[in-house]
Amino acid sequence: MNEQSTRSSSTSTTKTAHCAACELVCIGIAGTTLLADEARLLADGVRNVILFARNYQNATQLTHLTAAIRKAAGANVLISVDQEGGRVLRFCDASFPNQPSARVLGSMGAAEVSRWTRDTALALRACGVNMNLAPILDVDSNPKNPVIGDRSFSNDANTVAQLGAECVRSMQACGVAACGKHFPGHGDTDMDSHFDLPKLPHALARLEQLEFVPFRAAIKANIAAIMSAHVVFEAIDPDVPGTLSPKVITGLLRNALGFDGLILTDDLEMKAVADRFEIGDAAVRAVMAGCDTLLVCKNLDVQYKVIDGLSQAITSGRISQDRLAHSKRRLDLVLNTLAKM
């Protein structure tokens, strides 16, 4: 092989790794229209986008934005939002139901959970959004929790399980994928992982009896996706947050609970991870732990660092082709299922 052929082969390998890395990332975008750099990432292989209030003016603008995202990607894309209800509503105007918090819905019962979930899902689907990062499957077991609270249906695990599963079924029947969060459970923390790294000392038996109960019910209801928690579960893996732990993601969620759907990380820019790990290395760790889609919700420079870190790990073989194929299969399954609805 001559020098020019070697250089061409190297360039091709690098490009292939870059595109494969892009497929593992969910990006946030800056505003109400797509920027050139964001469109380029979509063209390179990004197939997940998360939207926030900063991306919304009205339903017409949102519909144009989601169409532009798909056009830039040249393929179907998972476009998600945290439209949980209560204090977590990214789209707030007459085009979307003013859904109550999960706690309020929990007091109303399963029929009201189903009705509100259905109405929200239909409004999202009409604007081109096909995944809602809900329901919260955390049990509200700690009154001092600064981040979950009324986002949870109840302080009773069985109630969260019943209503969470009802939410999953209603949402997905309307053509919007559900994503339960935050595995293995963020309900009993007294820290917010946006700002610090919570740790839970509970034994595995306690987690089985409380935290895992709603996740098992959601998996039985065929939930499309589950999001990991940036929380250290000391009885399982005392060294790293759940998002980066093979023991938590593969050992528990995949093997013990039998979930073969899409696993998303919580935002890697959150301080629980970003303050403790180099971001490219954190991304690689998350994929090797078993996560399929890595959220990088805000900063374009961080998105590039994550993609570069993943690309290098793919090129070196640290992330195997087999591992990539499993994540691609799971994403394709969700997108293909939604496309048929």
Protein backbone atom coordinates (compact mmCIF):
# COMPACT_ATOMS: atom_id res chain seq x y z
CA MET A 1 0.00 0.00 0.00
CA ASN A 2 1.49 3.34 -1.01
CA GLU A 3 1.60 6.47 1.16
CA GLN A 4 -1.46 8.03 -0.49
CA SER A 5 -3.51 4.85 -0.03
CA THR A 6 -2.46 4.61 3.61
CA ARG A 7 -3.46 8.22 4.22
CA SER A 8 -6.81 7.66 2.47
CA SER A 9 -7.47 4.52 4.53
CA SER A 10 -6.62 6.35 7.75
CA THR A 11 -8.93 9.22 6.84
CA SER A 12 -11.75 6.78 6.05
CA THR A 13 -11.29 4.96 9.36
CA THR A 14 -11.34 8.23 11.29
CA LYS A 15 -14.51 9.36 9.51
CA THR A 16 -16.21 6.03 10.15
CA ALA A 17 -15.35 6.22 13.85
CA HIS A 18 -16.58 9.82 14.03
CA CYS A 19 -19.93 8.88 12.50
CA ALA A 20 -20.29 5.88 14.83
CA ALA A 21 -19.51 8.14 17.79
CA CYS A 22 -22.15 10.63 16.65
CA GLU A 23 -24.78 7.88 16.73
CA LEU A 24 -24.16 7.45 20.46
CA VAL A 25 -24.81 11.09 21.36
CA CYS A 26 -27.98 13.06 22.05
CA ILE A 27 -27.36 16.77 21.56
CA GLY A 28 -29.15 19.82 22.83
CA ILE A 29 -29.39 22.76 20.45
CA ALA A 30 -28.93 26.42 21.19
CA GLY A 31 -32.07 28.14 20.00
CA THR A 32 -35.29 28.10 18.01
CA THR A 33 -33.59 27.34 14.68
CA LEU A 34 -30.85 24.92 13.75
CA LEU A 35 -27.29 26.25 13.64
CA ALA A 36 -24.82 25.18 10.94
CA ASP A 37 -22.63 23.25 13.41
CA GLU A 38 -25.68 21.44 14.79
CA ALA A 39 -26.86 20.55 11.30
CA ARG A 40 -23.37 19.23 10.52
CA LEU A 41 -23.45 16.91 13.54
CA LEU A 42 -26.81 15.58 12.43
CA ALA A 43 -25.47 15.01 8.92
CA ASP A 44 -22.50 13.17 10.48
CA GLY A 45 -24.73 10.69 12.28
CA VAL A 46 -26.32 12.21 15.41
CA ARG A 47 -29.79 10.66 15.65
CA ASN A 48 -30.94 12.05 19.00
CA VAL A 49 -31.84 15.62 19.90
CA ILE A 50 -33.23 16.94 23.18
CA LEU A 51 -35.28 20.15 23.29
CA PHE A 52 -35.80 22.66 26.09
CA ALA A 53 -37.78 25.84 26.71
CA ARG A 54 -35.03 27.78 24.91
CA ASN A 55 -35.99 25.94 21.72
CA TYR A 56 -39.68 26.83 21.85
CA GLN A 57 -41.68 29.86 20.69
CA ASN A 58 -44.92 28.27 19.56
CA ALA A 59 -46.23 25.05 18.04
CA THR A 60 -45.70 26.21 14.45
CA GLN A 61 -42.07 27.13 15.09
CA LEU A 62 -41.51 23.82 16.91
CA THR A 63 -42.93 21.87 13.99
CA HIS A 64 -40.59 23.69 11.60
CA LEU A 65 -37.64 23.00 13.92
CA THR A 66 -38.30 19.27 14.22
CA ALA A 67 -38.69 19.06 10.42
CA ALA A 68 -35.37 20.88 9.98
CA ILE A 69 -33.68 18.44 12.39
CA ARG A 70 -34.90 15.46 10.39
CA LYS A 71 -33.93 17.07 7.10
CA ALA A 72 -30.41 17.78 8.34
CA ALA A 73 -30.05 14.19 9.54
CA GLY A 74 -31.44 12.75 6.31
CA ALA A 75 -33.11 10.10 8.47
CA ASN A 76 -35.55 9.62 11.29
CA VAL A 77 -34.35 11.03 14.60
CA LEU A 78 -35.42 10.67 18.23
CA ILE A 79 -36.47 14.16 19.29
CA SER A 80 -37.12 14.28 23.02
CA VAL A 81 -38.21 16.69 25.72
CA ASP A 82 -38.79 16.67 29.49
CA GLN A 83 -42.55 17.29 29.40
CA GLU A 84 -43.25 15.66 32.76
CA GLY A 85 -45.90 18.03 34.10
CA GLY A 86 -45.93 20.38 37.06
CA ARG A 87 -42.67 22.31 37.40
CA VAL A 88 -41.04 20.39 34.53
CA LEU A 89 -42.85 21.58 31.41
CA ARG A 90 -40.59 22.84 28.62
CA PHE A 91 -43.43 23.84 26.29
CA CYS A 92 -45.87 26.09 28.12
CA ASP A 93 -48.69 27.65 26.12
CA ALA A 94 -52.17 26.84 24.90
CA SER A 95 -50.85 24.33 22.36
CA PHE A 96 -49.83 21.95 25.15
CA PRO A 97 -51.80 20.63 28.13
CA ASN A 98 -50.88 22.32 31.41
CA GLN A 99 -50.29 18.91 32.92
CA PRO A 100 -50.25 18.76 36.74
CA SER A 101 -47.29 17.35 38.63
CA ALA A 102 -46.96 13.60 39.02
CA ARG A 103 -47.80 13.96 42.71
CA VAL A 104 -51.11 15.66 41.89
CA LEU A 105 -51.86 13.12 39.17
CA GLY A 106 -50.98 10.34 41.59
CA SER A 107 -53.69 11.55 43.94
CA MET A 108 -56.22 11.47 41.07
CA GLY A 109 -55.65 7.86 40.08
CA ALA A 110 -54.79 5.83 37.00
CA ALA A 111 -57.58 7.12 34.73
CA GLU A 112 -56.41 10.74 35.10
CA VAL A 113 -52.77 9.73 34.63
CA SER A 114 -53.77 8.04 31.39
CA ARG A 115 -55.86 10.98 30.15
CA TRP A 116 -53.23 13.65 30.81
CA THR A 117 -50.45 11.47 29.43
CA ARG A 118 -52.42 10.82 26.25
CA ASP A 119 -53.23 14.50 25.70
CA THR A 120 -49.59 15.53 26.20
CA ALA A 121 -48.30 12.77 23.93
CA LEU A 122 -50.68 13.71 21.11
CA ALA A 123 -49.63 17.38 21.34
CA LEU A 124 -45.95 16.41 21.22
CA ARG A 125 -46.42 14.02 18.32
CA ALA A 126 -48.31 16.67 16.32
CA CYS A 127 -45.22 18.92 16.49
CA GLY A 128 -42.74 16.20 15.57
CA VAL A 129 -41.50 15.31 19.07
CA ASN A 130 -41.44 11.52 19.43
CA MET A 131 -39.96 10.88 22.88
CA ASN A 132 -40.97 12.22 26.27
CA LEU A 133 -38.37 11.81 29.02
CA ALA A 134 -41.04 10.65 31.44
CA PRO A 135 -42.36 9.16 33.62
CA ILE A 136 -40.35 9.68 36.78
CA LEU A 137 -40.06 6.21 38.30
CA ASP A 138 -38.28 7.43 41.42
CA VAL A 139 -40.12 6.85 44.68
CA ASP A 140 -40.53 10.05 46.73
CA SER A 141 -39.16 8.41 49.88
CA ASN A 142 -37.03 11.30 51.21
CA PRO A 143 -38.79 14.57 52.17
CA LYS A 144 -35.41 16.36 52.00
CA ASN A 145 -34.85 15.43 48.35
CA PRO A 146 -34.17 18.71 46.49
CA VAL A 147 -34.75 17.47 42.94
CA ILE A 148 -37.47 14.77 42.86
CA GLY A 149 -40.27 15.58 45.30
CA ASP A 150 -43.55 16.23 43.48
CA ARG A 151 -42.09 14.93 40.23
CA SER A 152 -42.75 11.46 41.69
CA PHE A 153 -46.22 9.90 41.75
CA SER A 154 -45.96 8.81 45.37
CA ASN A 155 -43.86 7.80 48.35
CA ASP A 156 -45.24 4.28 47.91
CA ALA A 157 -43.30 2.08 45.49
CA ASN A 158 -46.30 0.05 44.35
CA THR A 159 -48.28 3.21 43.53
CA VAL A 160 -45.36 4.59 41.51
CA ALA A 161 -45.13 1.23 39.73
CA GLN A 162 -48.84 1.11 38.87
CA LEU A 163 -49.10 4.72 37.68
CA GLY A 164 -45.74 4.70 35.95
CA ALA A 165 -46.74 1.65 33.92
CA GLU A 166 -50.08 3.30 33.07
CA CYS A 167 -48.20 6.38 31.86
CA VAL A 168 -45.90 4.23 29.71
CA ARG A 169 -48.76 2.39 28.04
CA SER A 170 -50.78 5.55 27.35
CA MET A 171 -47.84 7.51 25.98
CA GLN A 172 -46.55 4.80 23.69
CA ALA A 173 -50.04 4.02 22.36
CA CYS A 174 -49.99 7.59 21.00
CA GLY A 175 -46.72 7.10 19.14
CA VAL A 176 -44.41 8.79 21.63
CA ALA A 177 -41.64 6.74 23.25
CA ALA A 178 -41.48 6.84 27.04
CA CYS A 179 -38.23 7.10 28.99
CA GLY A 180 -38.38 6.21 32.68
CA LYS A 181 -35.92 7.82 35.05
CA HIS A 182 -33.63 7.76 36.99
CA PHE A 183 -32.32 4.18 37.37
CA PRO A 184 -31.65 2.68 39.89
CA GLY A 185 -33.50 5.44 41.80
CA HIS A 186 -32.95 9.08 42.72
CA GLY A 187 -35.84 9.40 45.17
CA ASP A 188 -34.00 8.92 48.45
CA THR A 189 -31.11 11.32 47.87
CA ASP A 190 -30.62 14.60 49.73
CA MET A 191 -28.48 16.08 46.94
CA ASP A 192 -29.27 17.21 43.40
CA SER A 193 -26.98 15.51 40.86
CA HIS A 194 -27.08 18.65 38.73
CA PHE A 195 -24.80 20.19 41.36
CA ASP A 196 -23.20 17.39 43.38
CA LEU A 197 -22.73 13.61 43.50
CA PRO A 198 -25.33 11.89 45.70
CA LYS A 199 -24.49 8.62 47.41
CA LEU A 200 -26.89 6.00 48.74
CA PRO A 201 -25.77 3.37 51.28
CA HIS A 202 -28.80 1.07 50.96
CA ALA A 203 -28.30 -2.67 50.72
CA LEU A 204 -29.36 -4.46 47.56
CA ALA A 205 -32.31 -6.04 49.39
CA ARG A 206 -33.72 -2.58 50.18
CA LEU A 207 -33.29 -1.46 46.57
CA GLU A 208 -35.14 -4.57 45.41
CA GLN A 209 -38.04 -3.85 47.75
CA LEU A 210 -38.42 -0.14 46.91
CA GLU A 211 -36.32 1.51 44.19
CA PHE A 212 -36.47 -1.31 41.62
CA VAL A 213 -40.23 -1.93 41.90
CA PRO A 214 -41.39 0.84 39.50
CA PHE A 215 -38.66 0.02 36.99
CA ARG A 216 -39.67 -3.63 36.89
CA ALA A 217 -43.29 -2.60 36.23
CA ALA A 218 -42.25 -0.20 33.46
CA ILE A 219 -40.12 -2.88 31.80
CA LYS A 220 -43.09 -5.26 31.93
CA ALA A 221 -45.13 -2.50 30.23
CA ASN A 222 -42.55 -2.49 27.38
CA ILE A 223 -41.08 0.93 28.09
CA ALA A 224 -38.89 2.06 25.18
CA ALA A 225 -36.08 3.66 27.19
CA ILE A 226 -34.69 4.15 30.69
CA MET A 227 -32.40 6.95 31.89
CA SER A 228 -29.55 6.35 34.32
CA ALA A 229 -28.92 8.27 37.54
CA HIS A 230 -25.69 10.08 38.39
CA VAL A 231 -25.84 8.56 41.87
CA VAL A 232 -23.34 6.29 43.63
CA PHE A 233 -25.03 3.15 44.98
CA GLU A 234 -22.47 2.01 47.52
CA ALA A 235 -23.77 -1.55 47.88
CA ILE A 236 -23.44 -2.11 44.13
CA ASP A 237 -20.47 -0.01 43.02
CA PRO A 238 -18.98 2.41 45.55
CA ASP A 239 -16.46 3.84 43.10
CA VAL A 240 -18.46 5.56 40.34
CA PRO A 241 -21.93 7.00 39.62
CA GLY A 242 -24.47 4.53 38.28
CA THR A 243 -24.23 6.03 34.79
CA LEU A 244 -20.59 4.95 34.52
CA SER A 245 -20.90 1.61 36.30
CA PRO A 246 -21.05 -1.72 34.40
CA LYS A 247 -22.36 -3.28 37.62
CA VAL A 248 -25.35 -0.92 37.63
CA ILE A 249 -26.13 -0.62 33.92
CA THR A 250 -25.22 -4.06 32.56
CA GLY A 251 -25.25 -6.10 35.76
CA LEU A 252 -28.50 -4.76 37.19
CA LEU A 253 -30.58 -3.11 34.48
CA ARG A 254 -29.67 -5.41 31.59
CA ASN A 255 -29.05 -8.73 33.31
CA ALA A 256 -30.95 -8.75 36.61
CA LEU A 257 -34.00 -6.74 35.46
CA GLY A 258 -33.90 -8.02 31.87
CA PHE A 259 -34.19 -4.67 30.10
CA ASP A 260 -33.08 -4.77 26.45
CA GLY A 261 -34.41 -1.34 25.42
CA LEU A 262 -32.56 1.92 24.93
CA ILE A 263 -30.55 3.21 27.91
CA LEU A 264 -29.93 6.94 28.06
CA THR A 265 -27.57 8.71 30.40
CA ASP A 266 -28.67 11.76 32.31
CA ASP A 267 -26.89 14.87 31.04
CA LEU A 268 -23.11 14.36 31.16
CA GLU A 269 -22.69 18.10 31.73
CA MET A 270 -24.23 17.79 35.18
CA LYS A 271 -21.72 18.42 37.95
CA ALA A 272 -22.07 14.95 39.48
CA VAL A 273 -20.10 13.72 36.46
CA ALA A 274 -18.52 16.81 34.86
CA ASP A 275 -16.73 17.92 38.05
CA ARG A 276 -15.16 14.49 38.60
CA PHE A 277 -14.34 13.04 35.20
CA GLU A 278 -12.84 14.31 31.97
CA ILE A 279 -15.89 14.49 29.71
CA GLY A 280 -14.53 12.36 26.86
CA ASP A 281 -13.48 9.64 29.28
CA ALA A 282 -16.86 9.83 31.06
CA ALA A 283 -18.59 9.25 27.73
CA VAL A 284 -16.46 6.21 26.98
CA ARG A 285 -17.05 4.82 30.47
CA ALA A 286 -20.82 5.25 30.05
CA VAL A 287 -20.83 3.33 26.77
CA MET A 288 -18.65 0.58 28.22
CA ALA A 289 -20.99 0.41 31.22
CA GLY A 290 -23.83 -0.37 28.81
CA CYS A 291 -25.45 2.98 27.99
CA ASP A 292 -26.64 3.45 24.40
CA THR A 293 -27.27 7.20 24.19
CA LEU A 294 -25.30 9.93 25.96
CA LEU A 295 -27.02 13.23 26.68
CA VAL A 296 -24.94 16.38 26.18
CA CYS A 297 -27.62 18.99 26.51
CA LYS A 298 -26.11 22.43 26.13
CA ASN A 299 -22.52 23.16 25.18
CA LEU A 300 -21.43 22.57 21.57
CA ASP A 301 -17.75 22.40 22.57
CA VAL A 302 -18.56 19.68 25.10
CA GLN A 303 -20.53 17.79 22.45
CA TYR A 304 -17.43 17.78 20.23
CA LYS A 305 -15.23 16.63 23.12
CA VAL A 306 -17.60 13.75 23.82
CA ILE A 307 -17.67 12.73 20.15
CA ASP A 308 -13.88 12.99 19.90
CA GLY A 309 -13.41 10.85 23.01
CA LEU A 310 -15.80 8.22 21.69
CA SER A 311 -14.22 8.30 18.24
CA GLN A 312 -10.77 7.67 19.67
CA ALA A 313 -12.07 4.77 21.75
CA ILE A 314 -13.76 3.26 18.69
CA THR A 315 -10.62 3.64 16.56
CA SER A 316 -8.46 2.02 19.25
CA GLY A 317 -10.89 -0.84 19.79
CA ARG A 318 -11.64 0.12 23.39
CA ILE A 319 -15.28 0.36 22.28
CA SER A 320 -15.86 -2.72 20.14
CA GLN A 321 -17.88 -3.00 16.94
CA ASP A 322 -20.10 -5.51 18.70
CA ARG A 323 -20.86 -2.96 21.43
CA LEU A 324 -21.73 -0.35 18.79
CA ALA A 325 -23.98 -2.80 16.98
CA HIS A 326 -26.05 -3.48 20.10
CA SER A 327 -26.69 0.24 20.67
CA LYS A 328 -27.53 0.78 17.01
CA ARG A 329 -29.99 -2.11 17.08
CA ARG A 330 -31.79 -0.70 20.10
CA LEU A 331 -32.04 2.80 18.63
CA ASP A 332 -33.22 1.44 15.27
CA LEU A 333 -35.90 -0.63 17.01
CA VAL A 334 -37.33 2.42 18.79
CA LEU A 335 -37.27 4.58 15.66
CA ASN A 336 -38.73 1.87 13.44
CA THR A 337 -41.52 1.16 15.93
CA LEU A 338 -42.43 4.85 16.11
CA ALA A 339 -42.31 5.23 12.31
CA LYS A 340 -45.02 2.57 11.96
CA MET A 341 -47.44 4.38 14.27
